[in-house]
PDB file of N, CA and C in Angstrom:
ATOM      1  N   UNK A   1     106.021 114.723  52.351  1.00  0.00           N
ATOM      2  CA  UNK A   1     106.650 113.645  53.118  1.00  0.00           C
ATOM      3  C   UNK A   1     106.212 113.703  54.578  1.00  0.00           C
ATOM      4  N   UNK A   2     106.079 114.896  55.131  1.00  0.00           N
ATOM      5  CA  UNK A   2     105.645 115.056  56.509  1.00  0.00           C
ATOM      6  C   UNK A   2     104.243 114.471  56.711  1.00  0.00           C
ATOM      7  N   UNK A   3     103.364 114.682  55.736  1.00  0.00           N
ATOM      8  CA  UNK A   3     102.011 114.157  55.801  1.00  0.00           C
ATOM      9  C   UNK A   3     102.026 112.625  55.784  1.00  0.00           C
ATOM     10  N   UNK A   4     102.911 112.038  54.985  1.00  0.00           N
ATOM     11  CA  UNK A   4     103.025 110.591  54.903  1.00  0.00           C
ATOM     12  C   UNK A   4     103.487 110.004  56.242  1.00  0.00           C
ATOM     13  N   UNK A   5     104.463 110.630  56.886  1.00  0.00           N
ATOM     14  CA  UNK A   5     104.949 110.160  58.189  1.00  0.00           C
ATOM     15  C   UNK A   5     103.840 110.204  59.235  1.00  0.00           C
ATOM     16  N   UNK A   6     103.089 111.293  59.244  1.00  0.00           N
ATOM     17  CA  UNK A   6     101.992 111.426  60.189  1.00  0.00           C
ATOM     18  C   UNK A   6     100.969 110.324  59.952  1.00  0.00           C
ATOM     19  N   UNK A   7     100.667 110.033  58.714  1.00  0.00           N
ATOM     20  CA  UNK A   7      99.716 108.988  58.390  1.00  0.00           C
ATOM     21  C   UNK A   7     100.230 107.632  58.874  1.00  0.00           C
ATOM     22  N   UNK A   8     101.502 107.340  58.649  1.00  0.00           N
ATOM     23  CA  UNK A   8     102.068 106.074  59.110  1.00  0.00           C
ATOM     24  C   UNK A   8     102.029 105.971  60.635  1.00  0.00           C
ATOM     25  N   UNK A   9     102.318 107.070  61.316  1.00  0.00           N
ATOM     26  CA  UNK A   9     102.249 107.061  62.779  1.00  0.00           C
ATOM     27  C   UNK A   9     100.824 106.842  63.254  1.00  0.00           C
ATOM     28  N   UNK A  10      99.880 107.478  62.579  1.00  0.00           N
ATOM     29  CA  UNK A  10      98.471 107.304  62.943  1.00  0.00           C
ATOM     30  C   UNK A  10      98.026 105.855  62.730  1.00  0.00           C
ATOM     31  N   UNK A  11      98.446 105.284  61.608  1.00  0.00           N
ATOM     32  CA  UNK A  11      98.108 103.892  61.316  1.00  0.00           C
ATOM     33  C   UNK A  11      98.704 102.978  62.382  1.00  0.00           C
ATOM     34  N   UNK A  12      99.981 103.175  62.705  1.00  0.00           N
ATOM     35  CA  UNK A  12     100.638 102.349  63.716  1.00  0.00           C
ATOM     36  C   UNK A  12      99.932 102.466  65.065  1.00  0.00           C
ATOM     37  N   UNK A  13      99.600 103.684  65.453  1.00  0.00           N
ATOM     38  CA  UNK A  13      98.948 103.906  66.747  1.00  0.00           C
ATOM     39  C   UNK A  13      97.590 103.213  66.798  1.00  0.00           C
ATOM     40  N   UNK A  14      96.830 103.314  65.738  1.00  0.00           N
ATOM     41  CA  UNK A  14      95.502 102.695  65.707  1.00  0.00           C
ATOM     42  C   UNK A  14      95.609 101.170  65.731  1.00  0.00           C
ATOM     43  N   UNK A  15      96.584 100.622  65.009  1.00  0.00           N
ATOM     44  CA  UNK A  15      96.783  99.180  64.997  1.00  0.00           C
ATOM     45  C   UNK A  15      97.228  98.665  66.364  1.00  0.00           C
ATOM     46  N   UNK A  16      98.114  99.401  67.017  1.00  0.00           N
ATOM     47  CA  UNK A  16      98.587  98.994  68.343  1.00  0.00           C
ATOM     48  C   UNK A  16      97.428  99.032  69.343  1.00  0.00           C
ATOM     49  N   UNK A  17      96.590 100.053  69.261  1.00  0.00           N
ATOM     50  CA  UNK A  17      95.408 100.121  70.126  1.00  0.00           C
ATOM     51  C   UNK A  17      94.500  98.916  69.919  1.00  0.00           C
ATOM     52  N   UNK A  18      94.421  98.433  68.688  1.00  0.00           N
ATOM     53  CA  UNK A  18      93.562  97.286  68.376  1.00  0.00           C
ATOM     54  C   UNK A  18      94.216  95.965  68.767  1.00  0.00           C
ATOM     55  N   UNK A  19      95.513  95.994  69.138  1.00  0.00           N
ATOM     56  CA  UNK A  19      96.199  94.793  69.586  1.00  0.00           C
ATOM     57  C   UNK A  19      96.845  93.995  68.468  1.00  0.00           C
ATOM     58  N   UNK A  20      97.362  94.690  67.467  1.00  0.00           N
ATOM     59  CA  UNK A  20      97.985  94.009  66.331  1.00  0.00           C
ATOM     60  C   UNK A  20      99.176  93.174  66.783  1.00  0.00           C
ATOM     61  N   UNK A  21      99.336  92.001  66.174  1.00  0.00           N
ATOM     62  CA  UNK A  21     100.443  91.113  66.476  1.00  0.00           C
ATOM     63  C   UNK A  21     101.578  91.334  65.484  1.00  0.00           C
ATOM     64  N   UNK A  22     101.251  91.484  64.227  1.00  0.00           N
ATOM     65  CA  UNK A  22     102.242  91.708  63.173  1.00  0.00           C
ATOM     66  C   UNK A  22     102.028  93.113  62.615  1.00  0.00           C
ATOM     67  N   UNK A  23     102.793  94.067  63.142  1.00  0.00           N
ATOM     68  CA  UNK A  23     102.604  95.470  62.792  1.00  0.00           C
ATOM     69  C   UNK A  23     102.866  95.744  61.316  1.00  0.00           C
ATOM     70  N   UNK A  24     103.875  95.106  60.747  1.00  0.00           N
ATOM     71  CA  UNK A  24     104.214  95.371  59.343  1.00  0.00           C
ATOM     72  C   UNK A  24     103.084  94.967  58.401  1.00  0.00           C
ATOM     73  N   UNK A  25     102.534  93.794  58.604  1.00  0.00           N
ATOM     74  CA  UNK A  25     101.438  93.328  57.750  1.00  0.00           C
ATOM     75  C   UNK A  25     100.193  94.188  57.982  1.00  0.00           C
ATOM     76  N   UNK A  26      99.910  94.461  59.246  1.00  0.00           N
ATOM     77  CA  UNK A  26      98.768  95.312  59.564  1.00  0.00           C
ATOM     78  C   UNK A  26      98.898  96.684  58.940  1.00  0.00           C
ATOM     79  N   UNK A  27     100.099  97.253  58.998  1.00  0.00           N
ATOM     80  CA  UNK A  27     100.350  98.570  58.414  1.00  0.00           C
ATOM     81  C   UNK A  27     100.118  98.549  56.906  1.00  0.00           C
ATOM     82  N   UNK A  28     100.621  97.515  56.255  1.00  0.00           N
ATOM     83  CA  UNK A  28     100.472  97.407  54.804  1.00  0.00           C
ATOM     84  C   UNK A  28      98.986  97.332  54.414  1.00  0.00           C
ATOM     85  N   UNK A  29      98.226  96.501  55.127  1.00  0.00           N
ATOM     86  CA  UNK A  29      96.807  96.348  54.808  1.00  0.00           C
ATOM     87  C   UNK A  29      96.017  97.618  55.125  1.00  0.00           C
ATOM     88  N   UNK A  30      96.322  98.237  56.265  1.00  0.00           N
ATOM     89  CA  UNK A  30      95.617  99.466  56.642  1.00  0.00           C
ATOM     90  C   UNK A  30      95.964 100.599  55.693  1.00  0.00           C
ATOM     91  N   UNK A  31      97.213 100.696  55.297  1.00  0.00           N
ATOM     92  CA  UNK A  31      97.633 101.757  54.380  1.00  0.00           C
ATOM     93  C   UNK A  31      96.915 101.627  53.039  1.00  0.00           C
ATOM     94  N   UNK A  32      96.740 100.391  52.578  1.00  0.00           N
ATOM     95  CA  UNK A  32      96.018 100.174  51.319  1.00  0.00           C
ATOM     96  C   UNK A  32      94.586 100.688  51.434  1.00  0.00           C
ATOM     97  N   UNK A  33      93.954 100.452  52.564  1.00  0.00           N
ATOM     98  CA  UNK A  33      92.589 100.937  52.770  1.00  0.00           C
ATOM     99  C   UNK A  33      92.513 102.447  52.868  1.00  0.00           C
ATOM    100  N   UNK A  34      93.480 103.037  53.567  1.00  0.00           N
ATOM    101  CA  UNK A  34      93.507 104.504  53.719  1.00  0.00           C
ATOM    102  C   UNK A  34      93.811 105.158  52.371  1.00  0.00           C
ATOM    103  N   UNK A  35      94.738 104.563  51.612  1.00  0.00           N
ATOM    104  CA  UNK A  35      95.063 105.097  50.294  1.00  0.00           C
ATOM    105  C   UNK A  35      93.864 105.040  49.352  1.00  0.00           C
ATOM    106  N   UNK A  36      92.952 104.109  49.607  1.00  0.00           N
ATOM    107  CA  UNK A  36      91.740 103.995  48.789  1.00  0.00           C
ATOM    108  C   UNK A  36      90.683 105.005  49.213  1.00  0.00           C
ATOM    109  N   UNK A  37      91.017 105.817  50.236  1.00  0.00           N
ATOM    110  CA  UNK A  37      90.116 106.893  50.650  1.00  0.00           C
ATOM    111  C   UNK A  37      89.186 106.547  51.796  1.00  0.00           C
ATOM    112  N   UNK A  38      89.401 105.394  52.444  1.00  0.00           N
ATOM    113  CA  UNK A  38      88.549 105.019  53.560  1.00  0.00           C
ATOM    114  C   UNK A  38      89.106 105.557  54.869  1.00  0.00           C
ATOM    115  N   UNK A  39      88.244 105.690  55.858  1.00  0.00           N
ATOM    116  CA  UNK A  39      88.633 106.215  57.165  1.00  0.00           C
ATOM    117  C   UNK A  39      89.461 105.171  57.920  1.00  0.00           C
ATOM    118  N   UNK A  40      90.505 105.620  58.598  1.00  0.00           N
ATOM    119  CA  UNK A  40      91.447 104.734  59.281  1.00  0.00           C
ATOM    120  C   UNK A  40      90.762 103.838  60.300  1.00  0.00           C
ATOM    121  N   UNK A  41      89.922 104.391  61.149  1.00  0.00           N
ATOM    122  CA  UNK A  41      89.274 103.579  62.191  1.00  0.00           C
ATOM    123  C   UNK A  41      88.399 102.493  61.581  1.00  0.00           C
ATOM    124  N   UNK A  42      87.712 102.825  60.498  1.00  0.00           N
ATOM    125  CA  UNK A  42      86.891 101.829  59.812  1.00  0.00           C
ATOM    126  C   UNK A  42      87.726 100.733  59.195  1.00  0.00           C
ATOM    127  N   UNK A  43      88.866 101.107  58.634  1.00  0.00           N
ATOM    128  CA  UNK A  43      89.772 100.130  58.028  1.00  0.00           C
ATOM    129  C   UNK A  43      90.283  99.167  59.091  1.00  0.00           C
ATOM    130  N   UNK A  44      90.700  99.694  60.238  1.00  0.00           N
ATOM    131  CA  UNK A  44      91.232  98.845  61.312  1.00  0.00           C
ATOM    132  C   UNK A  44      90.129  97.945  61.875  1.00  0.00           C
ATOM    133  N   UNK A  45      88.936  98.473  62.032  1.00  0.00           N
ATOM    134  CA  UNK A  45      87.812  97.667  62.512  1.00  0.00           C
ATOM    135  C   UNK A  45      87.544  96.500  61.566  1.00  0.00           C
ATOM    136  N   UNK A  46      87.583  96.765  60.268  1.00  0.00           N
ATOM    137  CA  UNK A  46      87.390  95.703  59.277  1.00  0.00           C
ATOM    138  C   UNK A  46      88.514  94.664  59.352  1.00  0.00           C
ATOM    139  N   UNK A  47      89.741  95.127  59.585  1.00  0.00           N
ATOM    140  CA  UNK A  47      90.862  94.190  59.711  1.00  0.00           C
ATOM    141  C   UNK A  47      90.685  93.276  60.922  1.00  0.00           C
ATOM    142  N   UNK A  48      90.258  93.840  62.038  1.00  0.00           N
ATOM    143  CA  UNK A  48      90.055  93.044  63.255  1.00  0.00           C
ATOM    144  C   UNK A  48      89.003  91.967  62.997  1.00  0.00           C
ATOM    145  N   UNK A  49      87.934  92.333  62.299  1.00  0.00           N
ATOM    146  CA  UNK A  49      86.865  91.371  62.017  1.00  0.00           C
ATOM    147  C   UNK A  49      87.252  90.382  60.928  1.00  0.00           C
ATOM    148  N   UNK A  50      87.899  90.878  59.885  1.00  0.00           N
ATOM    149  CA  UNK A  50      88.208  90.036  58.738  1.00  0.00           C
ATOM    150  C   UNK A  50      89.472  89.207  58.874  1.00  0.00           C
ATOM    151  N   UNK A  51      90.422  89.667  59.668  1.00  0.00           N
ATOM    152  CA  UNK A  51      91.703  88.970  59.827  1.00  0.00           C
ATOM    153  C   UNK A  51      92.080  88.922  61.311  1.00  0.00           C
ATOM    154  N   UNK A  52      91.300  88.216  62.112  1.00  0.00           N
ATOM    155  CA  UNK A  52      91.540  88.205  63.559  1.00  0.00           C
ATOM    156  C   UNK A  52      92.886  87.617  63.957  1.00  0.00           C
ATOM    157  N   UNK A  53      93.490  86.803  63.090  1.00  0.00           N
ATOM    158  CA  UNK A  53      94.786  86.213  63.398  1.00  0.00           C
ATOM    159  C   UNK A  53      95.899  87.255  63.441  1.00  0.00           C
ATOM    160  N   UNK A  54      95.638  88.463  62.935  1.00  0.00           N
ATOM    161  CA  UNK A  54      96.633  89.541  62.991  1.00  0.00           C
ATOM    162  C   UNK A  54      96.596  90.284  64.323  1.00  0.00           C
ATOM    163  N   UNK A  55      95.646  89.945  65.171  1.00  0.00           N
ATOM    164  CA  UNK A  55      95.460  90.685  66.412  1.00  0.00           C
ATOM    165  C   UNK A  55      95.585  89.772  67.616  1.00  0.00           C
ATOM    166  N   UNK A  56      95.830  90.379  68.782  1.00  0.00           N
ATOM    167  CA  UNK A  56      96.110  89.655  70.030  1.00  0.00           C
ATOM    168  C   UNK A  56      94.988  88.690  70.387  1.00  0.00           C
ATOM    169  N   UNK A  57      95.333  87.712  71.190  1.00  0.00           N
ATOM    170  CA  UNK A  57      94.367  86.689  71.606  1.00  0.00           C
ATOM    171  C   UNK A  57      93.224  87.257  72.414  1.00  0.00           C
ATOM    172  N   UNK A  58      93.319  88.505  72.824  1.00  0.00           N
ATOM    173  CA  UNK A  58      92.214  89.110  73.560  1.00  0.00           C
ATOM    174  C   UNK A  58      90.950  89.110  72.714  1.00  0.00           C
ATOM    175  N   UNK A  59      91.124  89.057  71.396  1.00  0.00           N
ATOM    176  CA  UNK A  59      89.982  89.051  70.497  1.00  0.00           C
ATOM    177  C   UNK A  59      89.503  87.631  70.193  1.00  0.00           C
ATOM    178  N   UNK A  60      90.263  86.624  70.638  1.00  0.00           N
ATOM    179  CA  UNK A  60      89.899  85.233  70.365  1.00  0.00           C
ATOM    180  C   UNK A  60      88.777  84.803  71.300  1.00  0.00           C
ATOM    181  N   UNK A  61      88.003  83.855  70.869  1.00  0.00           N
ATOM    182  CA  UNK A  61      86.892  83.369  71.673  1.00  0.00           C
ATOM    183  C   UNK A  61      87.354  82.533  72.847  1.00  0.00           C
ATOM    184  N   UNK A  62      86.480  82.367  73.811  1.00  0.00           N
ATOM    185  CA  UNK A  62      86.812  81.591  75.002  1.00  0.00           C
ATOM    186  C   UNK A  62      86.966  80.110  74.676  1.00  0.00           C
ATOM    187  N   UNK A  63      86.478  79.680  73.524  1.00  0.00           N
ATOM    188  CA  UNK A  63      86.598  78.275  73.147  1.00  0.00           C
ATOM    189  C   UNK A  63      88.057  77.860  72.988  1.00  0.00           C
ATOM    190  N   UNK A  64      88.938  78.813  72.692  1.00  0.00           N
ATOM    191  CA  UNK A  64      90.347  78.510  72.509  1.00  0.00           C
ATOM    192  C   UNK A  64      91.134  78.522  73.808  1.00  0.00           C
ATOM    193  N   UNK A  65      90.506  78.887  74.890  1.00  0.00           N
ATOM    194  CA  UNK A  65      91.217  79.024  76.161  1.00  0.00           C
ATOM    195  C   UNK A  65      91.519  77.656  76.756  1.00  0.00           C
ATOM    196  N   UNK A  66      92.715  77.494  77.315  1.00  0.00           N
ATOM    197  CA  UNK A  66      93.039  76.210  77.943  1.00  0.00           C
ATOM    198  C   UNK A  66      92.238  76.021  79.223  1.00  0.00           C
ATOM    199  N   UNK A  67      91.914  74.788  79.505  1.00  0.00           N
ATOM    200  CA  UNK A  67      91.158  74.483  80.715  1.00  0.00           C
ATOM    201  C   UNK A  67      91.802  73.286  81.403  1.00  0.00           C
ATOM    202  N   UNK A  68      91.770  73.316  82.701  1.00  0.00           N
ATOM    203  CA  UNK A  68      92.290  72.186  83.460  1.00  0.00           C
ATOM    204  C   UNK A  68      91.264  71.064  83.452  1.00  0.00           C
ATOM    205  N   UNK A  69      91.745  69.825  83.517  1.00  0.00           N
ATOM    206  CA  UNK A  69      90.850  68.667  83.563  1.00  0.00           C
ATOM    207  C   UNK A  69      90.211  68.572  84.937  1.00  0.00           C
ATOM    208  N   UNK A  70      89.076  67.896  85.008  1.00  0.00           N
ATOM    209  CA  UNK A  70      88.382  67.716  86.278  1.00  0.00           C
ATOM    210  C   UNK A  70      89.292  66.982  87.253  1.00  0.00           C
ATOM    211  N   UNK A  71      89.306  67.423  88.498  1.00  0.00           N
ATOM    212  CA  UNK A  71      90.119  66.787  89.521  1.00  0.00           C
ATOM    213  C   UNK A  71      91.586  67.182  89.468  1.00  0.00           C
ATOM    214  N   UNK A  72      91.919  68.182  88.698  1.00  0.00           N
ATOM    215  CA  UNK A  72      93.313  68.610  88.563  1.00  0.00           C
ATOM    216  C   UNK A  72      93.761  69.353  89.813  1.00  0.00           C
ATOM    217  N   UNK A  73      95.053  69.412  89.984  1.00  0.00           N
ATOM    218  CA  UNK A  73      95.603  70.088  91.151  1.00  0.00           C
ATOM    219  C   UNK A  73      95.343  71.590  91.079  1.00  0.00           C
ATOM    220  N   UNK A  74      95.488  72.242  92.215  1.00  0.00           N
ATOM    221  CA  UNK A  74      95.300  73.691  92.280  1.00  0.00           C
ATOM    222  C   UNK A  74      96.348  74.402  91.426  1.00  0.00           C
ATOM    223  N   UNK A  75      97.556  73.855  91.382  1.00  0.00           N
ATOM    224  CA  UNK A  75      98.631  74.449  90.585  1.00  0.00           C
ATOM    225  C   UNK A  75      98.287  74.394  89.094  1.00  0.00           C
ATOM    226  N   UNK A  76      97.745  73.277  88.664  1.00  0.00           N
ATOM    227  CA  UNK A  76      97.344  73.124  87.265  1.00  0.00           C
ATOM    228  C   UNK A  76      96.194  74.066  86.928  1.00  0.00           C
ATOM    229  N   UNK A  77      95.245  74.176  87.827  1.00  0.00           N
ATOM    230  CA  UNK A  77      94.109  75.083  87.626  1.00  0.00           C
ATOM    231  C   UNK A  77      94.586  76.523  87.523  1.00  0.00           C
ATOM    232  N   UNK A  78      95.503  76.920  88.409  1.00  0.00           N
ATOM    233  CA  UNK A  78      96.034  78.287  88.376  1.00  0.00           C
ATOM    234  C   UNK A  78      96.790  78.547  87.075  1.00  0.00           C
ATOM    235  N   UNK A  79      97.542  77.559  86.610  1.00  0.00           N
ATOM    236  CA  UNK A  79      98.285  77.708  85.351  1.00  0.00           C
ATOM    237  C   UNK A  79      97.326  77.850  84.177  1.00  0.00           C
ATOM    238  N   UNK A  80      96.227  77.089  84.194  1.00  0.00           N
ATOM    239  CA  UNK A  80      95.242  77.174  83.119  1.00  0.00           C
ATOM    240  C   UNK A  80      94.581  78.553  83.102  1.00  0.00           C
ATOM    241  N   UNK A  81      94.234  79.053  84.266  1.00  0.00           N
ATOM    242  CA  UNK A  81      93.613  80.379  84.356  1.00  0.00           C
ATOM    243  C   UNK A  81      94.585  81.451  83.888  1.00  0.00           C
ATOM    244  N   UNK A  82      95.839  81.358  84.310  1.00  0.00           N
ATOM    245  CA  UNK A  82      96.849  82.336  83.920  1.00  0.00           C
ATOM    246  C   UNK A  82      97.070  82.320  82.401  1.00  0.00           C
ATOM    247  N   UNK A  83      97.165  81.140  81.818  1.00  0.00           N
ATOM    248  CA  UNK A  83      97.368  81.031  80.368  1.00  0.00           C
ATOM    249  C   UNK A  83      96.174  81.588  79.619  1.00  0.00           C
ATOM    250  N   UNK A  84      94.988  81.324  80.110  1.00  0.00           N
ATOM    251  CA  UNK A  84      93.775  81.828  79.472  1.00  0.00           C
ATOM    252  C   UNK A  84      93.678  83.348  79.575  1.00  0.00           C
ATOM    253  N   UNK A  85      94.013  83.871  80.747  1.00  0.00           N
ATOM    254  CA  UNK A  85      93.891  85.310  80.995  1.00  0.00           C
ATOM    255  C   UNK A  85      94.917  86.117  80.204  1.00  0.00           C
ATOM    256  N   UNK A  86      96.158  85.649  80.170  1.00  0.00           N
ATOM    257  CA  UNK A  86      97.221  86.436  79.544  1.00  0.00           C
ATOM    258  C   UNK A  86      97.387  86.159  78.060  1.00  0.00           C
ATOM    259  N   UNK A  87      97.129  84.923  77.629  1.00  0.00           N
ATOM    260  CA  UNK A  87      97.372  84.569  76.238  1.00  0.00           C
ATOM    261  C   UNK A  87      98.850  84.488  75.900  1.00  0.00           C
ATOM    262  N   UNK A  88      99.695  84.505  76.917  1.00  0.00           N
ATOM    263  CA  UNK A  88     101.139  84.484  76.756  1.00  0.00           C
ATOM    264  C   UNK A  88     101.615  83.074  76.437  1.00  0.00           C
ATOM    265  N   UNK A  89     102.548  82.940  75.514  1.00  0.00           N
ATOM    266  CA  UNK A  89     103.062  81.622  75.119  1.00  0.00           C
ATOM    267  C   UNK A  89     103.726  80.897  76.276  1.00  0.00           C
ATOM    268  N   UNK A  90     104.496  81.625  77.064  1.00  0.00           N
ATOM    269  CA  UNK A  90     105.184  80.986  78.194  1.00  0.00           C
ATOM    270  C   UNK A  90     104.184  80.411  79.188  1.00  0.00           C
ATOM    271  N   UNK A  91     103.128  81.174  79.450  1.00  0.00           N
ATOM    272  CA  UNK A  91     102.098  80.693  80.366  1.00  0.00           C
ATOM    273  C   UNK A  91     101.422  79.443  79.814  1.00  0.00           C
ATOM    274  N   UNK A  92     101.139  79.452  78.527  1.00  0.00           N
ATOM    275  CA  UNK A  92     100.508  78.296  77.902  1.00  0.00           C
ATOM    276  C   UNK A  92     101.424  77.071  77.959  1.00  0.00           C
ATOM    277  N   UNK A  93     102.702  77.261  77.655  1.00  0.00           N
ATOM    278  CA  UNK A  93     103.649  76.143  77.712  1.00  0.00           C
ATOM    279  C   UNK A  93     103.798  75.607  79.136  1.00  0.00           C
ATOM    280  N   UNK A  94     103.805  76.499  80.101  1.00  0.00           N
ATOM    281  CA  UNK A  94     103.891  76.081  81.497  1.00  0.00           C
ATOM    282  C   UNK A  94     102.672  75.232  81.864  1.00  0.00           C
ATOM    283  N   UNK A  95     101.495  75.671  81.456  1.00  0.00           N
ATOM    284  CA  UNK A  95     100.268  74.916  81.701  1.00  0.00           C
ATOM    285  C   UNK A  95     100.334  73.540  81.041  1.00  0.00           C
ATOM    286  N   UNK A  96     100.769  73.511  79.784  1.00  0.00           N
ATOM    287  CA  UNK A  96     100.832  72.235  79.063  1.00  0.00           C
ATOM    288  C   UNK A  96     101.828  71.271  79.702  1.00  0.00           C
ATOM    289  N   UNK A  97     102.966  71.791  80.183  1.00  0.00           N
ATOM    290  CA  UNK A  97     103.931  70.935  80.872  1.00  0.00           C
ATOM    291  C   UNK A  97     103.347  70.339  82.152  1.00  0.00           C
ATOM    292  N   UNK A  98     102.642  71.196  82.911  1.00  0.00           N
ATOM    293  CA  UNK A  98     102.020  70.711  84.138  1.00  0.00           C
ATOM    294  C   UNK A  98     100.951  69.657  83.829  1.00  0.00           C
ATOM    295  N   UNK A  99     100.187  69.896  82.794  1.00  0.00           N
ATOM    296  CA  UNK A  99      99.126  68.962  82.413  1.00  0.00           C
ATOM    297  C   UNK A  99      99.697  67.619  81.985  1.00  0.00           C
ATOM    298  N   UNK A 100     100.831  67.665  81.296  1.00  0.00           N
ATOM    299  CA  UNK A 100     101.480  66.458  80.833  1.00  0.00           C
ATOM    300  C   UNK A 100     102.142  65.714  81.999  1.00  0.00           C
ATOM    301  N   UNK A 101     102.405  66.462  83.079  1.00  0.00           N
ATOM    302  CA  UNK A 101     103.027  65.827  84.249  1.00  0.00           C
ATOM    303  C   UNK A 101     104.523  65.995  84.271  1.00  0.00           C
ATOM    304  N   UNK A 102     105.041  66.940  83.454  1.00  0.00           N
ATOM    305  CA  UNK A 102     106.499  67.106  83.380  1.00  0.00           C
ATOM    306  C   UNK A 102     107.013  68.215  84.109  1.00  0.00           C
TER     307      UNK A 102
END
């Protein structure tokens, strides 16, 4: 049982380092790979590549980043940069509200 706990902690730590968004799902998928005899780091690397939606927006491409329209105010531009940099929902919603004019 002690070995199992250590393995779960190792899996959690590796997933958190990779920026997992849903730890439970990530843990389940990584555990299946480790139980099959594969190395933990390799399993997590494959998850990041194969299931990027399970990991933070830091892994998302720049094409998904919000951008201010040409001629936009400095406040709107700053909000767009902040939302793009952080990937935070609140920042994105703030940017969208400013863009909409609300």
